[in-house]
Structure formats: structure tokens, C-alpha cells
Amino acid sequence: MNILLFGVSNVGKSVSGWLLAGLLGYSFYDLNDEVKKDQNTTLEEFVSTENLMKRDAIRCRILNHLICKRGNKVIAVTPLSYINGIRCLFSSPDVISIVLTDSAENIFDRLIFSDENDVVYKDDDYKNRHRDHYLEEIRKDLNWYGAVYSDIKNIFDVSGMTPEEAAAEMMDQFHLCDDRGDDRCI
């Protein structure tokens, strides 16, 4: 089984996905990390040297490759605008696609930055000085990716949940089964 987590940046795909994979006994992949390995580059360099359509084509190719790997997986999927290369996955019997949603304000609270070497850092002073700008951009992203992912029927709202709560609740809501020899669904 392959569980794909979609959504805007900072909605919680990676952290809750990693926790979900742990609960299920599945492997975890973050598409951003896989792109860096495949392209032998930083995300900053990848984003600045490739146009959006080509970036998404590369990401879709890598995602399709991950799906073909043996074993059960949870994959945190980078926001994609051009999804024709993976649209067939939404109806595949061995794929569960889930869109994570949250309010713009909650996503803003989780907002982090990274430098040209993909080193993550927080800069709450800067973030708060530009709050209105970031909230507007997050709202645009929520609208845009909501339309892009409209074919995905599994929607999961993480509002007010810790990543641990979100992972456990996804198991329950989508009847995901533990893969460690236990036949029950949690």
C-alpha cells in the first residue's frame, strides 16, 4: 500500500507522514528529499534552475518511481501544480491519496525558512513583520492547490491537532492497517 499525503507547504505532510509511517510500520519518503538525491542538488538550486512545469515533471517521475518500489510506504508529496503525470495514481487500488488541509493562520504559525543549502531555520521576527504578505500567499496556495487536487476525495483537516494526533486520526478515519503482523485496523 502507498499512502500519498498532499497539501500546501507547512501543512504538516512530512512530520505527520513520518509519524503515520511509524505507526503503520511503513517506510517513509519525503518527495523533496528524493528530488535532492535524484538531481544531486539542493532544493534552492533545483527551484531556481528549472521552470515549474519541468520541476513538476521531474517530481512526478520520481513519485512514480517511489510507488513502483516494493513495500508499503507513506510519501509526503511536494505541492505540485502539474499533476497529469500522477493523476492515474488517484484511482490506483494500491494508493490512498489524502489532501491535508488547515487554516492559513495555523500554517503561518508553522512557517519555517531554509537557506541556499537547505538548512532550516526560524525567523519569527521577520515572519511576523511580513505576516499579512505570508497569510495572503498561503491563502492563494490553499485555493490553488485545492483546485489542483480536486480529484482527490480523501480530505483530512489537521486544524488544532498535534502531528501525533493527526497521524493517529488518519489511521482511524481512513481505516489504515498496522503492517507489523497485526491484522486489525486501528
C-alpha atoms as a PDB file:
ATOM      1  CA  MET A   1       0.000   0.000   0.000  1.00  0.00           C
ATOM      2  CA  ASN A   2       1.142   3.532  -0.795  1.00  0.00           C
ATOM      3  CA  ILE A   3      -0.230   6.480   1.163  1.00  0.00           C
ATOM      4  CA  LEU A   4       0.351   9.827  -0.538  1.00  0.00           C
ATOM      5  CA  LEU A   5      -0.027  12.986   1.529  1.00  0.00           C
ATOM      6  CA  PHE A   6      -0.724  16.122  -0.494  1.00  0.00           C
ATOM      7  CA  GLY A   7      -1.162  19.731   0.608  1.00  0.00           C
ATOM      8  CA  VAL A   8       0.469  23.132   0.715  1.00  0.00           C
ATOM      9  CA  SER A   9       3.864  23.762   2.239  1.00  0.00           C
ATOM     10  CA  ASN A  10       3.950  23.702   6.056  1.00  0.00           C
ATOM     11  CA  VAL A  11       0.576  21.943   6.407  1.00  0.00           C
ATOM     12  CA  GLY A  12       2.289  19.034   8.172  1.00  0.00           C
ATOM     13  CA  LYS A  13       2.776  16.389   5.471  1.00  0.00           C
ATOM     14  CA  SER A  14       6.324  15.439   6.444  1.00  0.00           C
ATOM     15  CA  VAL A  15       6.028  15.306  10.222  1.00  0.00           C
ATOM     16  CA  SER A  16       2.605  13.668  10.393  1.00  0.00           C
ATOM     17  CA  GLY A  17       3.558  11.391   7.477  1.00  0.00           C
ATOM     18  CA  TRP A  18       6.721  10.234   9.234  1.00  0.00           C
ATOM     19  CA  LEU A  19       4.700   9.539  12.385  1.00  0.00           C
ATOM     20  CA  LEU A  20       1.977   7.765  10.403  1.00  0.00           C
ATOM     21  CA  ALA A  21       4.587   5.562   8.724  1.00  0.00           C
ATOM     22  CA  GLY A  22       5.967   4.679  12.155  1.00  0.00           C
ATOM     23  CA  LEU A  23       2.525   3.735  13.473  1.00  0.00           C
ATOM     24  CA  LEU A  24       1.859   1.576  10.424  1.00  0.00           C
ATOM     25  CA  GLY A  25       5.301   0.006  10.154  1.00  0.00           C
ATOM     26  CA  TYR A  26       5.668   1.520   6.657  1.00  0.00           C
ATOM     27  CA  SER A  27       8.673   3.190   5.039  1.00  0.00           C
ATOM     28  CA  PHE A  28       8.560   6.985   4.859  1.00  0.00           C
ATOM     29  CA  TYR A  29       9.677   9.152   1.955  1.00  0.00           C
ATOM     30  CA  ASP A  30       9.662  12.916   1.559  1.00  0.00           C
ATOM     31  CA  LEU A  31       9.500  13.876  -2.127  1.00  0.00           C
ATOM     32  CA  ASN A  32      11.745  16.901  -1.515  1.00  0.00           C
ATOM     33  CA  ASP A  33      14.490  14.643  -0.147  1.00  0.00           C
ATOM     34  CA  GLU A  34      14.091  12.256  -3.075  1.00  0.00           C
ATOM     35  CA  VAL A  35      14.386  15.153  -5.550  1.00  0.00           C
ATOM     36  CA  LYS A  36      17.612  16.314  -3.902  1.00  0.00           C
ATOM     37  CA  LYS A  37      19.073  12.795  -4.197  1.00  0.00           C
ATOM     38  CA  ASP A  38      17.864  12.226  -7.763  1.00  0.00           C
ATOM     39  CA  GLN A  39      19.025  15.613  -9.041  1.00  0.00           C
ATOM     40  CA  ASN A  40      22.149  15.771  -6.833  1.00  0.00           C
ATOM     41  CA  THR A  41      21.317  19.339  -5.838  1.00  0.00           C
ATOM     42  CA  THR A  42      19.764  21.461  -3.136  1.00  0.00           C
ATOM     43  CA  LEU A  43      16.095  22.379  -3.335  1.00  0.00           C
ATOM     44  CA  GLU A  44      17.074  26.030  -3.645  1.00  0.00           C
ATOM     45  CA  GLU A  45      19.185  25.279  -6.705  1.00  0.00           C
ATOM     46  CA  PHE A  46      16.542  22.943  -8.173  1.00  0.00           C
ATOM     47  CA  VAL A  47      13.803  25.566  -7.812  1.00  0.00           C
ATOM     48  CA  SER A  48      15.947  28.377  -9.195  1.00  0.00           C
ATOM     49  CA  THR A  49      17.255  26.500 -12.265  1.00  0.00           C
ATOM     50  CA  GLU A  50      14.163  24.655 -13.514  1.00  0.00           C
ATOM     51  CA  ASN A  51      10.807  26.114 -14.590  1.00  0.00           C
ATOM     52  CA  LEU A  52       7.701  24.973 -12.721  1.00  0.00           C
ATOM     53  CA  MET A  53       6.456  22.599 -15.418  1.00  0.00           C
ATOM     54  CA  LYS A  54       9.831  20.831 -15.680  1.00  0.00           C
ATOM     55  CA  ARG A  55      10.199  20.678 -11.875  1.00  0.00           C
ATOM     56  CA  ASP A  56       6.783  19.056 -11.575  1.00  0.00           C
ATOM     57  CA  ALA A  57       7.571  16.592 -14.392  1.00  0.00           C
ATOM     58  CA  ILE A  58      10.740  15.558 -12.538  1.00  0.00           C
ATOM     59  CA  ARG A  59       8.835  15.280  -9.251  1.00  0.00           C
ATOM     60  CA  CYS A  60       6.090  13.179 -10.890  1.00  0.00           C
ATOM     61  CA  ARG A  61       8.705  10.858 -12.410  1.00  0.00           C
ATOM     62  CA  ILE A  62      10.357  10.391  -9.023  1.00  0.00           C
ATOM     63  CA  LEU A  63       6.998   9.856  -7.314  1.00  0.00           C
ATOM     64  CA  ASN A  64       6.024   7.205  -9.867  1.00  0.00           C
ATOM     65  CA  HIS A  65       9.390   5.511  -9.269  1.00  0.00           C
ATOM     66  CA  LEU A  66       8.778   5.506  -5.500  1.00  0.00           C
ATOM     67  CA  ILE A  67       5.324   3.983  -5.989  1.00  0.00           C
ATOM     68  CA  CYS A  68       6.879   1.132  -8.000  1.00  0.00           C
ATOM     69  CA  LYS A  69       9.303   0.268  -5.172  1.00  0.00           C
ATOM     70  CA  ARG A  70       8.350  -2.811  -3.214  1.00  0.00           C
ATOM     71  CA  GLY A  71       6.857  -2.418   0.223  1.00  0.00           C
ATOM     72  CA  ASN A  72       4.367  -0.214   1.988  1.00  0.00           C
ATOM     73  CA  LYS A  73       5.103   3.485   2.030  1.00  0.00           C
ATOM     74  CA  VAL A  74       3.904   6.854   3.229  1.00  0.00           C
ATOM     75  CA  ILE A  75       5.070   9.644   0.916  1.00  0.00           C
ATOM     76  CA  ALA A  76       4.911  13.359   1.704  1.00  0.00           C
ATOM     77  CA  VAL A  77       4.334  14.930  -1.714  1.00  0.00           C
ATOM     78  CA  THR A  78       5.730  18.353  -2.519  1.00  0.00           C
ATOM     79  CA  PRO A  79       2.982  20.727  -3.746  1.00  0.00           C
ATOM     80  CA  LEU A  80       2.540  20.028  -7.466  1.00  0.00           C
ATOM     81  CA  SER A  81       0.753  22.240  -9.994  1.00  0.00           C
ATOM     82  CA  TYR A  82       1.135  19.936 -12.999  1.00  0.00           C
ATOM     83  CA  ILE A  83      -0.179  16.531 -11.941  1.00  0.00           C
ATOM     84  CA  ASN A  84      -1.056  14.821 -15.236  1.00  0.00           C
ATOM     85  CA  GLY A  85       1.956  12.538 -14.715  1.00  0.00           C
ATOM     86  CA  ILE A  86       0.442  11.159 -11.486  1.00  0.00           C
ATOM     87  CA  ARG A  87      -3.318  11.568 -11.994  1.00  0.00           C
ATOM     88  CA  CYS A  88      -3.659   7.809 -12.616  1.00  0.00           C
ATOM     89  CA  LEU A  89      -2.397   7.180  -9.063  1.00  0.00           C
ATOM     90  CA  PHE A  90      -5.564   8.698  -7.584  1.00  0.00           C
ATOM     91  CA  SER A  91      -7.614   5.694  -8.707  1.00  0.00           C
ATOM     92  CA  SER A  92      -4.958   3.023  -8.260  1.00  0.00           C
ATOM     93  CA  PRO A  93      -6.043   0.214  -5.903  1.00  0.00           C
ATOM     94  CA  ASP A  94      -2.691   0.228  -4.066  1.00  0.00           C
ATOM     95  CA  VAL A  95      -2.657   4.002  -3.463  1.00  0.00           C
ATOM     96  CA  ILE A  96      -4.517   6.078  -0.906  1.00  0.00           C
ATOM     97  CA  SER A  97      -4.215   9.788  -1.693  1.00  0.00           C
ATOM     98  CA  ILE A  98      -5.014  12.218   1.120  1.00  0.00           C
ATOM     99  CA  VAL A  99      -5.026  16.012   0.992  1.00  0.00           C
ATOM    100  CA  LEU A 100      -4.081  17.620   4.303  1.00  0.00           C
ATOM    101  CA  THR A 101      -5.741  20.967   4.983  1.00  0.00           C
ATOM    102  CA  ASP A 102      -5.566  23.580   7.701  1.00  0.00           C
ATOM    103  CA  SER A 103      -6.320  27.258   8.163  1.00  0.00           C
ATOM    104  CA  ALA A 104      -3.938  29.850   6.735  1.00  0.00           C
ATOM    105  CA  GLU A 105      -3.258  31.091  10.274  1.00  0.00           C
ATOM    106  CA  ASN A 106      -2.206  27.649  11.533  1.00  0.00           C
ATOM    107  CA  ILE A 107       0.011  27.115   8.503  1.00  0.00           C
ATOM    108  CA  PHE A 108       1.561  30.556   9.074  1.00  0.00           C
ATOM    109  CA  ASP A 109       2.343  29.573  12.682  1.00  0.00           C
ATOM    110  CA  ARG A 110       4.332  26.563  11.385  1.00  0.00           C
ATOM    111  CA  LEU A 111       6.123  28.576   8.695  1.00  0.00           C
ATOM    112  CA  ILE A 112       9.861  27.985   8.580  1.00  0.00           C
ATOM    113  CA  PHE A 113      12.572  29.062   6.173  1.00  0.00           C
ATOM    114  CA  SER A 114      15.607  27.438   4.592  1.00  0.00           C
ATOM    115  CA  ASP A 115      18.809  28.889   3.219  1.00  0.00           C
ATOM    116  CA  GLU A 116      20.564  28.160  -0.079  1.00  0.00           C
ATOM    117  CA  ASN A 117      21.974  24.944   1.425  1.00  0.00           C
ATOM    118  CA  ASP A 118      18.531  23.750   2.582  1.00  0.00           C
ATOM    119  CA  VAL A 119      19.385  24.398   6.230  1.00  0.00           C
ATOM    120  CA  VAL A 120      16.087  25.037   8.012  1.00  0.00           C
ATOM    121  CA  TYR A 121      15.810  27.982  10.395  1.00  0.00           C
ATOM    122  CA  LYS A 122      13.162  30.032  12.150  1.00  0.00           C
ATOM    123  CA  ASP A 123      12.977  33.788  11.918  1.00  0.00           C
ATOM    124  CA  ASP A 124       9.823  34.741  13.793  1.00  0.00           C
ATOM    125  CA  ASP A 125      10.672  38.452  13.791  1.00  0.00           C
ATOM    126  CA  TYR A 126      10.907  38.538  10.005  1.00  0.00           C
ATOM    127  CA  LYS A 127       7.884  36.257   9.606  1.00  0.00           C
ATOM    128  CA  ASN A 128       5.734  38.387  11.898  1.00  0.00           C
ATOM    129  CA  ARG A 129       6.806  41.651  10.233  1.00  0.00           C
ATOM    130  CA  HIS A 130       5.546  40.197   6.936  1.00  0.00           C
ATOM    131  CA  ARG A 131       2.536  38.387   8.386  1.00  0.00           C
ATOM    132  CA  ASP A 132      -0.047  39.896   6.022  1.00  0.00           C
ATOM    133  CA  HIS A 133       2.027  39.019   2.966  1.00  0.00           C
ATOM    134  CA  TYR A 134       2.580  35.414   4.069  1.00  0.00           C
ATOM    135  CA  LEU A 135      -1.067  34.910   5.023  1.00  0.00           C
ATOM    136  CA  GLU A 136      -2.138  36.188   1.605  1.00  0.00           C
ATOM    137  CA  GLU A 137       0.317  33.825  -0.125  1.00  0.00           C
ATOM    138  CA  ILE A 138      -0.830  30.868   2.000  1.00  0.00           C
ATOM    139  CA  ARG A 139      -4.473  31.611   1.171  1.00  0.00           C
ATOM    140  CA  LYS A 140      -3.598  31.750  -2.540  1.00  0.00           C
ATOM    141  CA  ASP A 141      -1.810  28.403  -2.215  1.00  0.00           C
ATOM    142  CA  LEU A 142      -4.762  26.850  -0.384  1.00  0.00           C
ATOM    143  CA  ASN A 143      -7.102  27.960  -3.179  1.00  0.00           C
ATOM    144  CA  TRP A 144      -4.750  26.963  -5.996  1.00  0.00           C
ATOM    145  CA  TYR A 145      -3.826  23.520  -4.679  1.00  0.00           C
ATOM    146  CA  GLY A 146      -7.394  22.908  -3.563  1.00  0.00           C
ATOM    147  CA  ALA A 147      -8.359  23.181  -7.237  1.00  0.00           C
ATOM    148  CA  VAL A 148      -5.337  21.194  -8.463  1.00  0.00           C
ATOM    149  CA  TYR A 149      -6.103  18.324  -6.057  1.00  0.00           C
ATOM    150  CA  SER A 150      -9.882  18.418  -6.540  1.00  0.00           C
ATOM    151  CA  ASP A 151      -9.869  14.849  -7.919  1.00  0.00           C
ATOM    152  CA  ILE A 152      -8.592  13.555  -4.586  1.00  0.00           C
ATOM    153  CA  LYS A 153     -11.604  12.658  -2.461  1.00  0.00           C
ATOM    154  CA  ASN A 154      -9.821  11.977   0.840  1.00  0.00           C
ATOM    155  CA  ILE A 155      -9.539  15.281   2.690  1.00  0.00           C
ATOM    156  CA  PHE A 156      -8.080  15.479   6.184  1.00  0.00           C
ATOM    157  CA  ASP A 157      -8.224  18.679   8.240  1.00  0.00           C
ATOM    158  CA  VAL A 158      -5.336  18.846  10.719  1.00  0.00           C
ATOM    159  CA  SER A 159      -6.645  22.015  12.434  1.00  0.00           C
ATOM    160  CA  GLY A 160      -5.965  22.004  16.158  1.00  0.00           C
ATOM    161  CA  MET A 161      -4.109  18.669  16.094  1.00  0.00           C
ATOM    162  CA  THR A 162      -0.574  17.864  17.035  1.00  0.00           C
ATOM    163  CA  PRO A 163       1.277  15.819  14.396  1.00  0.00           C
ATOM    164  CA  GLU A 164       0.893  12.760  16.649  1.00  0.00           C
ATOM    165  CA  GLU A 165      -2.861  13.284  16.881  1.00  0.00           C
ATOM    166  CA  ALA A 166      -3.099  13.826  13.131  1.00  0.00           C
ATOM    167  CA  ALA A 167      -1.251  10.574  12.375  1.00  0.00           C
ATOM    168  CA  ALA A 168      -3.435   8.554  14.758  1.00  0.00           C
ATOM    169  CA  GLU A 169      -6.616  10.197  13.474  1.00  0.00           C
ATOM    170  CA  MET A 170      -5.676   9.491   9.841  1.00  0.00           C
ATOM    171  CA  MET A 171      -5.276   5.818  10.723  1.00  0.00           C
ATOM    172  CA  ASP A 172      -8.766   5.822  12.173  1.00  0.00           C
ATOM    173  CA  GLN A 173     -10.517   7.957   9.556  1.00  0.00           C
ATOM    174  CA  PHE A 174      -9.065   6.103   6.561  1.00  0.00           C
ATOM    175  CA  HIS A 175      -9.035   2.626   8.179  1.00  0.00           C
ATOM    176  CA  LEU A 176      -5.296   2.200   7.731  1.00  0.00           C
ATOM    177  CA  CYS A 177      -3.884  -1.085   8.978  1.00  0.00           C
ATOM    178  CA  ASP A 178      -0.784  -1.757  11.019  1.00  0.00           C
ATOM    179  CA  ASP A 179       1.741  -3.686   8.892  1.00  0.00           C
ATOM    180  CA  ARG A 180       3.628  -5.424  11.717  1.00  0.00           C
ATOM    181  CA  GLY A 181       1.742  -8.702  11.669  1.00  0.00           C
ATOM    182  CA  ASP A 182      -1.360  -7.343  13.369  1.00  0.00           C
ATOM    183  CA  ASP A 183      -4.423  -7.928  11.195  1.00  0.00           C
ATOM    184  CA  ARG A 184      -6.544  -5.276  12.821  1.00  0.00           C
ATOM    185  CA  CYS A 185      -7.122  -1.793  11.584  1.00  0.00           C
ATOM    186  CA  ILE A 186      -6.619   0.917  14.125  1.00  0.00           C
END
